[in-house]
Amino acid sequence: MARYTGPKTRLSRKFGEDLALKTNGAKTARRLMQAPGQHGARMRRKPSQYGIQLKEKQKVKAIYGLTEKQLTRLFSEAATKETNTGITLLSYLERRLDNVVYRAGLAPTRAAARQLVNHGHFYVNSKKMDIPSYRVQVNDVISVRPSSSSIKIINEAVKNNEKTDLGWLKIKAGVIKAASLPVREDVLEAIDEQLIVEFYSR
């Protein structure tokens, strides 16, 4: 199934929470309480346990901008590790290059970060990297390509983000270093990873 390309606010309304898919969070917040669609204002029946698990899985796909195939593959890989499957899955998602660029404040949304990476505006360890799904490793250094530093969105982000500490990410003057692997507390969104594990373990 292809990546969702429809209205972003519709997705946030579907899940009843701001998924940080748009830059104008205040505008999104005003419509969160009404579900999308012609009959969105009507009461809906209580979802089944399967429905709750499915919705959580779909929410994670929406937040990180993944296709079904990408998320399934990541889960399968996480399930082979001896560590907690749900937390390992979230770690893989956090370590995606487009998410790291977004977390570092160099793009207003993950979709914008993915586009910037796709267009080759970032280096990883001094080499151009244009794969948004690249999994950042410990001690990787992500920097803006010199010829891209004049792009308005990147230039302003670097100026406003001279030095930041995000736990596992250290940012200074637009240069990001992965000091460690992300832990559960580094995931800022309200995600219940256990529901996702239960969905795929049916």
Protein backbone atom coordinates (compact mmCIF):
# COMPACT_ATOMS: atom_id res chain seq x y z
CA MET A 1 0.00 0.00 0.00
CA ALA A 2 1.33 3.43 -0.97
CA ARG A 3 2.18 6.15 1.53
CA TYR A 4 -0.77 8.37 2.47
CA THR A 5 -0.72 11.65 0.53
CA GLY A 6 -4.16 13.06 1.43
CA PRO A 7 -5.13 15.89 3.81
CA LYS A 8 -2.91 15.90 6.90
CA THR A 9 -5.52 17.42 9.22
CA ARG A 10 -7.89 14.60 8.32
CA LEU A 11 -5.42 12.10 9.75
CA SER A 12 -5.05 14.01 13.01
CA ARG A 13 -8.85 14.21 13.33
CA LYS A 14 -9.11 10.47 12.68
CA PHE A 15 -6.95 9.72 15.72
CA GLY A 16 -8.19 12.63 17.82
CA GLU A 17 -4.74 14.04 18.48
CA ASP A 18 -2.18 16.30 16.84
CA LEU A 19 0.31 14.07 15.00
CA ALA A 20 2.61 17.01 14.13
CA LEU A 21 1.90 16.53 10.43
CA LYS A 22 1.40 20.27 9.80
CA THR A 23 3.21 23.38 10.95
CA ASN A 24 0.05 25.16 12.15
CA GLY A 25 -0.71 23.13 15.26
CA ALA A 26 -3.22 25.65 16.62
CA LYS A 27 -5.40 25.37 13.51
CA THR A 28 -5.29 21.57 13.68
CA ALA A 29 -6.20 21.55 17.38
CA ARG A 30 -9.48 23.38 16.74
CA ARG A 31 -10.84 20.43 14.74
CA LEU A 32 -9.43 17.46 16.60
CA MET A 33 -12.63 16.67 18.49
CA GLN A 34 -14.62 16.06 15.30
CA ALA A 35 -13.86 12.91 13.37
CA PRO A 36 -13.46 13.28 9.59
CA GLY A 37 -16.22 12.47 7.13
CA GLN A 38 -19.85 13.50 6.59
CA HIS A 39 -20.99 11.81 9.79
CA GLY A 40 -17.91 12.54 11.87
CA ALA A 41 -19.87 14.39 14.52
CA ARG A 42 -22.06 11.36 15.29
CA MET A 43 -21.32 8.94 18.10
CA ARG A 44 -19.56 5.78 17.03
CA ARG A 45 -19.75 2.35 18.60
CA LYS A 46 -17.05 1.20 20.96
CA PRO A 47 -14.16 -0.34 18.97
CA SER A 48 -13.10 -3.95 19.46
CA GLN A 49 -9.66 -4.86 20.84
CA TYR A 50 -8.57 -5.59 17.28
CA GLY A 51 -9.83 -2.16 16.23
CA ILE A 52 -7.81 -0.49 18.99
CA GLN A 53 -4.67 -2.36 17.97
CA LEU A 54 -5.23 -1.55 14.29
CA LYS A 55 -5.75 2.13 15.03
CA GLU A 56 -2.51 2.34 17.03
CA LYS A 57 -0.60 0.69 14.19
CA GLN A 58 -2.13 3.10 11.68
CA LYS A 59 -1.27 6.04 13.94
CA VAL A 60 2.41 5.09 14.00
CA LYS A 61 2.38 4.78 10.22
CA ALA A 62 0.89 8.27 9.97
CA ILE A 63 3.31 9.84 12.48
CA TYR A 64 6.46 8.51 10.81
CA GLY A 65 5.13 8.58 7.24
CA LEU A 66 5.61 4.88 6.55
CA THR A 67 4.00 2.43 4.19
CA GLU A 68 2.51 -0.81 5.48
CA LYS A 69 5.39 -2.77 3.96
CA GLN A 70 8.01 -0.61 5.69
CA LEU A 71 6.40 -0.92 9.13
CA THR A 72 5.87 -4.68 8.75
CA ARG A 73 9.51 -5.16 7.78
CA LEU A 74 10.72 -3.10 10.74
CA PHE A 75 8.53 -5.07 13.14
CA SER A 76 9.78 -8.39 11.75
CA GLU A 77 13.36 -7.27 12.31
CA ALA A 78 12.60 -5.98 15.83
CA ALA A 79 10.91 -9.28 16.71
CA THR A 80 14.14 -11.20 16.04
CA LYS A 81 16.06 -9.25 18.71
CA GLU A 82 16.38 -10.35 22.31
CA THR A 83 15.34 -6.89 23.53
CA ASN A 84 11.74 -5.73 24.05
CA THR A 85 10.12 -5.86 20.61
CA GLY A 86 7.97 -2.74 20.99
CA ILE A 87 10.77 -0.55 22.31
CA THR A 88 13.17 -1.87 19.67
CA LEU A 89 10.63 -0.99 16.97
CA LEU A 90 10.32 2.56 18.31
CA SER A 91 14.11 2.84 18.40
CA TYR A 92 14.29 1.86 14.72
CA LEU A 93 11.67 4.48 13.87
CA GLU A 94 13.45 7.20 15.85
CA ARG A 95 16.74 6.41 14.12
CA ARG A 96 15.38 7.01 10.62
CA LEU A 97 17.33 9.85 9.05
CA ASP A 98 14.23 11.88 8.18
CA ASN A 99 13.04 11.62 11.79
CA VAL A 100 16.47 12.68 13.12
CA VAL A 101 16.44 15.76 10.88
CA TYR A 102 12.94 16.58 12.16
CA ARG A 103 13.83 15.99 15.82
CA ALA A 104 16.85 18.26 15.44
CA GLY A 105 14.60 21.09 14.30
CA LEU A 106 16.03 21.31 10.79
CA ALA A 107 12.60 20.74 9.23
CA PRO A 108 9.10 21.73 10.42
CA THR A 109 7.57 18.30 9.79
CA ARG A 110 8.77 14.78 9.03
CA ALA A 111 7.36 15.08 5.51
CA ALA A 112 9.49 18.19 4.95
CA ALA A 113 12.51 16.41 6.43
CA ARG A 114 11.94 13.43 4.13
CA GLN A 115 11.83 15.72 1.11
CA LEU A 116 15.04 17.52 2.14
CA VAL A 117 16.83 14.20 2.59
CA ASN A 118 15.47 12.87 -0.71
CA HIS A 119 16.91 15.91 -2.48
CA GLY A 120 20.35 15.24 -1.05
CA HIS A 121 20.66 18.24 1.28
CA PHE A 122 22.34 16.27 4.10
CA TYR A 123 25.59 14.45 4.67
CA VAL A 124 26.11 11.48 6.98
CA ASN A 125 29.74 11.20 8.06
CA SER A 126 30.71 13.65 5.28
CA LYS A 127 29.02 11.58 2.56
CA LYS A 128 25.81 12.57 0.80
CA MET A 129 22.85 10.54 2.01
CA ASP A 130 19.52 10.77 0.20
CA ILE A 131 17.77 7.77 1.77
CA PRO A 132 15.19 8.92 4.38
CA SER A 133 14.98 5.41 5.89
CA TYR A 134 18.73 5.26 6.58
CA ARG A 135 19.14 4.07 10.18
CA VAL A 136 21.39 6.40 12.11
CA GLN A 137 24.12 4.64 14.12
CA VAL A 138 25.91 5.71 17.28
CA ASN A 139 28.58 8.38 16.52
CA ASP A 140 27.08 9.17 13.12
CA VAL A 141 27.40 12.88 12.29
CA ILE A 142 24.65 14.43 10.18
CA SER A 143 25.37 17.81 8.63
CA VAL A 144 23.88 20.14 6.04
CA ARG A 145 25.49 19.95 2.62
CA PRO A 146 27.48 23.21 2.21
CA SER A 147 25.71 24.15 -1.01
CA SER A 148 22.34 23.67 0.72
CA SER A 149 23.02 25.97 3.68
CA SER A 150 21.59 28.94 1.78
CA ILE A 151 18.14 27.32 1.45
CA LYS A 152 15.78 29.48 3.50
CA ILE A 153 14.15 26.71 5.57
CA ILE A 154 17.54 25.18 6.45
CA ASN A 155 19.30 28.49 7.03
CA GLU A 156 16.65 29.70 9.47
CA ALA A 157 16.59 26.35 11.29
CA VAL A 158 20.35 26.41 11.80
CA LYS A 159 20.24 29.97 13.14
CA ASN A 160 17.50 29.10 15.63
CA ASN A 161 19.16 25.89 16.75
CA GLU A 162 22.75 26.77 17.59
CA LYS A 163 23.11 24.28 20.44
CA THR A 164 20.58 21.68 21.61
CA ASP A 165 20.71 18.49 23.67
CA LEU A 166 17.95 15.98 22.91
CA GLY A 167 19.31 13.15 25.02
CA TRP A 168 20.62 10.79 22.36
CA LEU A 169 21.13 13.59 19.82
CA LYS A 170 23.60 16.45 20.24
CA ILE A 171 23.02 19.41 17.94
CA LYS A 172 25.29 22.38 17.42
CA ALA A 173 25.13 24.89 14.55
CA GLY A 174 23.12 22.51 12.38
CA VAL A 175 25.42 19.53 12.96
CA ILE A 176 23.80 16.50 14.59
CA LYS A 177 25.70 13.75 16.37
CA ALA A 178 24.10 10.54 17.58
CA ALA A 179 25.72 10.22 21.00
CA SER A 180 23.82 7.02 21.86
CA LEU A 181 20.83 4.94 20.85
CA PRO A 182 17.38 6.40 21.64
CA VAL A 183 15.55 5.09 24.71
CA ARG A 184 11.79 4.89 25.29
CA GLU A 185 11.71 8.35 26.91
CA ASP A 186 13.07 9.91 23.68
CA VAL A 187 9.80 9.12 21.88
CA LEU A 188 7.69 12.21 22.53
CA GLU A 189 4.46 11.06 20.88
CA ALA A 190 1.75 9.18 22.77
CA ILE A 191 2.32 5.69 21.35
CA ASP A 192 1.35 2.41 22.97
CA GLU A 193 3.87 0.07 21.36
CA GLN A 194 2.40 -2.97 23.12
CA LEU A 195 -0.79 -2.64 21.05
CA ILE A 196 1.31 -2.75 17.88
CA VAL A 197 3.13 -5.85 19.09
CA GLU A 198 -0.24 -7.49 19.85
CA PHE A 199 -1.56 -6.56 16.39
CA TYR A 200 1.34 -8.18 14.54
CA SER A 201 1.42 -11.16 16.90
CA ARG A 202 -2.15 -12.27 16.15
